[in-house]
């Protein structure tokens, strides 16, 4: 019953928006408006923000690659020696 009510409400909202095409128009800044300098500035801002997102995603990918590469490196010889020399914690044999 609830799913049919949600479906009917979604269809009604869709029909209401389709009946008002003026509400679906973009703002004057996106459509060109009276000032012809706005569109290139808006496009530049959008591409700048997309570039920032792409750069951050690339840097996260490079950091993950660095971590994987470092995790696959062998342990240095002196670290293995220290691990072999240390006495594990446990009951003492006196």
C-alpha atoms as a PDB file:
ATOM      1  CA  UNK A   1       0.000   0.000   0.000  1.00  0.00           C
ATOM      2  CA  UNK A   2       2.805   2.395   0.900  1.00  0.00           C
ATOM      3  CA  UNK A   3       4.734   1.603  -2.285  1.00  0.00           C
ATOM      4  CA  UNK A   4       1.695   2.422  -4.458  1.00  0.00           C
ATOM      5  CA  UNK A   5       1.251   5.726  -2.597  1.00  0.00           C
ATOM      6  CA  UNK A   6       4.915   6.583  -3.184  1.00  0.00           C
ATOM      7  CA  UNK A   7       4.616   5.646  -6.848  1.00  0.00           C
ATOM      8  CA  UNK A   8       1.502   7.764  -7.288  1.00  0.00           C
ATOM      9  CA  UNK A   9       3.146  10.699  -5.493  1.00  0.00           C
ATOM     10  CA  UNK A  10       6.240  10.453  -7.719  1.00  0.00           C
ATOM     11  CA  UNK A  11       4.114  10.322 -10.857  1.00  0.00           C
ATOM     12  CA  UNK A  12       2.060  13.280  -9.694  1.00  0.00           C
ATOM     13  CA  UNK A  13       5.197  15.293  -8.981  1.00  0.00           C
ATOM     14  CA  UNK A  14       6.584  14.399 -12.400  1.00  0.00           C
ATOM     15  CA  UNK A  15       3.378  15.491 -14.120  1.00  0.00           C
ATOM     16  CA  UNK A  16       3.290  18.729 -12.138  1.00  0.00           C
ATOM     17  CA  UNK A  17       6.871  19.555 -13.151  1.00  0.00           C
ATOM     18  CA  UNK A  18       6.145  18.645 -16.772  1.00  0.00           C
ATOM     19  CA  UNK A  19       3.187  21.038 -16.737  1.00  0.00           C
ATOM     20  CA  UNK A  20       5.449  23.936 -15.654  1.00  0.00           C
ATOM     21  CA  UNK A  21       8.296  24.163 -18.205  1.00  0.00           C
ATOM     22  CA  UNK A  22       9.248  27.629 -16.959  1.00  0.00           C
ATOM     23  CA  UNK A  23      10.335  26.100 -13.634  1.00  0.00           C
ATOM     24  CA  UNK A  24      12.748  23.775 -15.433  1.00  0.00           C
ATOM     25  CA  UNK A  25      14.679  26.578 -17.154  1.00  0.00           C
ATOM     26  CA  UNK A  26      18.176  27.443 -16.049  1.00  0.00           C
ATOM     27  CA  UNK A  27      19.028  30.762 -14.454  1.00  0.00           C
ATOM     28  CA  UNK A  28      20.082  33.775 -16.526  1.00  0.00           C
ATOM     29  CA  UNK A  29      23.752  33.286 -15.674  1.00  0.00           C
ATOM     30  CA  UNK A  30      23.739  29.775 -17.171  1.00  0.00           C
ATOM     31  CA  UNK A  31      21.681  30.773 -20.196  1.00  0.00           C
ATOM     32  CA  UNK A  32      23.871  33.705 -21.134  1.00  0.00           C
ATOM     33  CA  UNK A  33      21.994  36.569 -19.541  1.00  0.00           C
ATOM     34  CA  UNK A  34      22.675  40.196 -20.448  1.00  0.00           C
ATOM     35  CA  UNK A  35      26.396  40.104 -19.585  1.00  0.00           C
ATOM     36  CA  UNK A  36      28.368  38.022 -22.118  1.00  0.00           C
ATOM     37  CA  UNK A  37      31.357  37.713 -19.735  1.00  0.00           C
ATOM     38  CA  UNK A  38      29.493  35.546 -17.217  1.00  0.00           C
ATOM     39  CA  UNK A  39      29.383  32.307 -19.232  1.00  0.00           C
ATOM     40  CA  UNK A  40      33.187  31.955 -19.690  1.00  0.00           C
ATOM     41  CA  UNK A  41      33.721  32.790 -16.014  1.00  0.00           C
ATOM     42  CA  UNK A  42      31.183  30.180 -14.885  1.00  0.00           C
ATOM     43  CA  UNK A  43      32.683  27.594 -17.252  1.00  0.00           C
ATOM     44  CA  UNK A  44      36.166  28.387 -15.950  1.00  0.00           C
ATOM     45  CA  UNK A  45      35.024  27.974 -12.345  1.00  0.00           C
ATOM     46  CA  UNK A  46      33.368  24.637 -13.131  1.00  0.00           C
ATOM     47  CA  UNK A  47      36.449  23.266 -14.899  1.00  0.00           C
ATOM     48  CA  UNK A  48      38.685  24.535 -12.083  1.00  0.00           C
ATOM     49  CA  UNK A  49      36.608  22.669  -9.484  1.00  0.00           C
ATOM     50  CA  UNK A  50      36.558  19.522 -11.647  1.00  0.00           C
ATOM     51  CA  UNK A  51      40.335  19.807 -11.956  1.00  0.00           C
ATOM     52  CA  UNK A  52      40.700  20.024  -8.182  1.00  0.00           C
ATOM     53  CA  UNK A  53      38.582  16.913  -7.694  1.00  0.00           C
ATOM     54  CA  UNK A  54      40.569  15.013 -10.345  1.00  0.00           C
ATOM     55  CA  UNK A  55      43.861  16.120  -8.794  1.00  0.00           C
ATOM     56  CA  UNK A  56      42.818  14.999  -5.313  1.00  0.00           C
ATOM     57  CA  UNK A  57      41.628  11.624  -6.626  1.00  0.00           C
ATOM     58  CA  UNK A  58      44.918  11.199  -8.475  1.00  0.00           C
ATOM     59  CA  UNK A  59      46.944  12.049  -5.381  1.00  0.00           C
ATOM     60  CA  UNK A  60      44.976   9.555  -3.289  1.00  0.00           C
ATOM     61  CA  UNK A  61      45.650   6.912  -5.963  1.00  0.00           C
ATOM     62  CA  UNK A  62      49.372   7.717  -5.978  1.00  0.00           C
ATOM     63  CA  UNK A  63      49.509   7.491  -2.183  1.00  0.00           C
ATOM     64  CA  UNK A  64      47.777   4.102  -2.257  1.00  0.00           C
ATOM     65  CA  UNK A  65      50.250   2.926  -4.910  1.00  0.00           C
ATOM     66  CA  UNK A  66      53.117   4.110  -2.687  1.00  0.00           C
ATOM     67  CA  UNK A  67      51.719   2.189   0.285  1.00  0.00           C
ATOM     68  CA  UNK A  68      51.332  -1.010  -1.748  1.00  0.00           C
ATOM     69  CA  UNK A  69      54.844  -0.679  -3.150  1.00  0.00           C
ATOM     70  CA  UNK A  70      56.308  -0.052   0.299  1.00  0.00           C
ATOM     71  CA  UNK A  71      54.373  -2.964   1.791  1.00  0.00           C
ATOM     72  CA  UNK A  72      55.876  -5.359  -0.761  1.00  0.00           C
ATOM     73  CA  UNK A  73      59.460  -4.320  -0.007  1.00  0.00           C
ATOM     74  CA  UNK A  74      61.526  -6.854   1.949  1.00  0.00           C
ATOM     75  CA  UNK A  75      62.376  -6.173   5.556  1.00  0.00           C
ATOM     76  CA  UNK A  76      65.884  -4.835   6.132  1.00  0.00           C
ATOM     77  CA  UNK A  77      68.432  -7.338   7.439  1.00  0.00           C
ATOM     78  CA  UNK A  78      68.983  -5.567  10.757  1.00  0.00           C
ATOM     79  CA  UNK A  79      65.233  -5.561  11.454  1.00  0.00           C
ATOM     80  CA  UNK A  80      65.078  -9.330  10.934  1.00  0.00           C
ATOM     81  CA  UNK A  81      68.052  -9.757  13.276  1.00  0.00           C
ATOM     82  CA  UNK A  82      66.385  -7.662  15.980  1.00  0.00           C
ATOM     83  CA  UNK A  83      63.197  -9.729  15.649  1.00  0.00           C
ATOM     84  CA  UNK A  84      65.174 -12.969  16.022  1.00  0.00           C
ATOM     85  CA  UNK A  85      67.139 -11.716  19.060  1.00  0.00           C
ATOM     86  CA  UNK A  86      64.194 -10.405  21.075  1.00  0.00           C
ATOM     87  CA  UNK A  87      62.828 -12.901  23.537  1.00  0.00           C
ATOM     88  CA  UNK A  88      59.067 -13.344  23.206  1.00  0.00           C
ATOM     89  CA  UNK A  89      56.985 -12.559  26.258  1.00  0.00           C
ATOM     90  CA  UNK A  90      55.769 -15.637  28.021  1.00  0.00           C
ATOM     91  CA  UNK A  91      56.350 -17.863  31.011  1.00  0.00           C
ATOM     92  CA  UNK A  92      59.943 -17.769  32.193  1.00  0.00           C
ATOM     93  CA  UNK A  93      61.887 -21.005  32.573  1.00  0.00           C
ATOM     94  CA  UNK A  94      63.939 -20.712  35.693  1.00  0.00           C
END
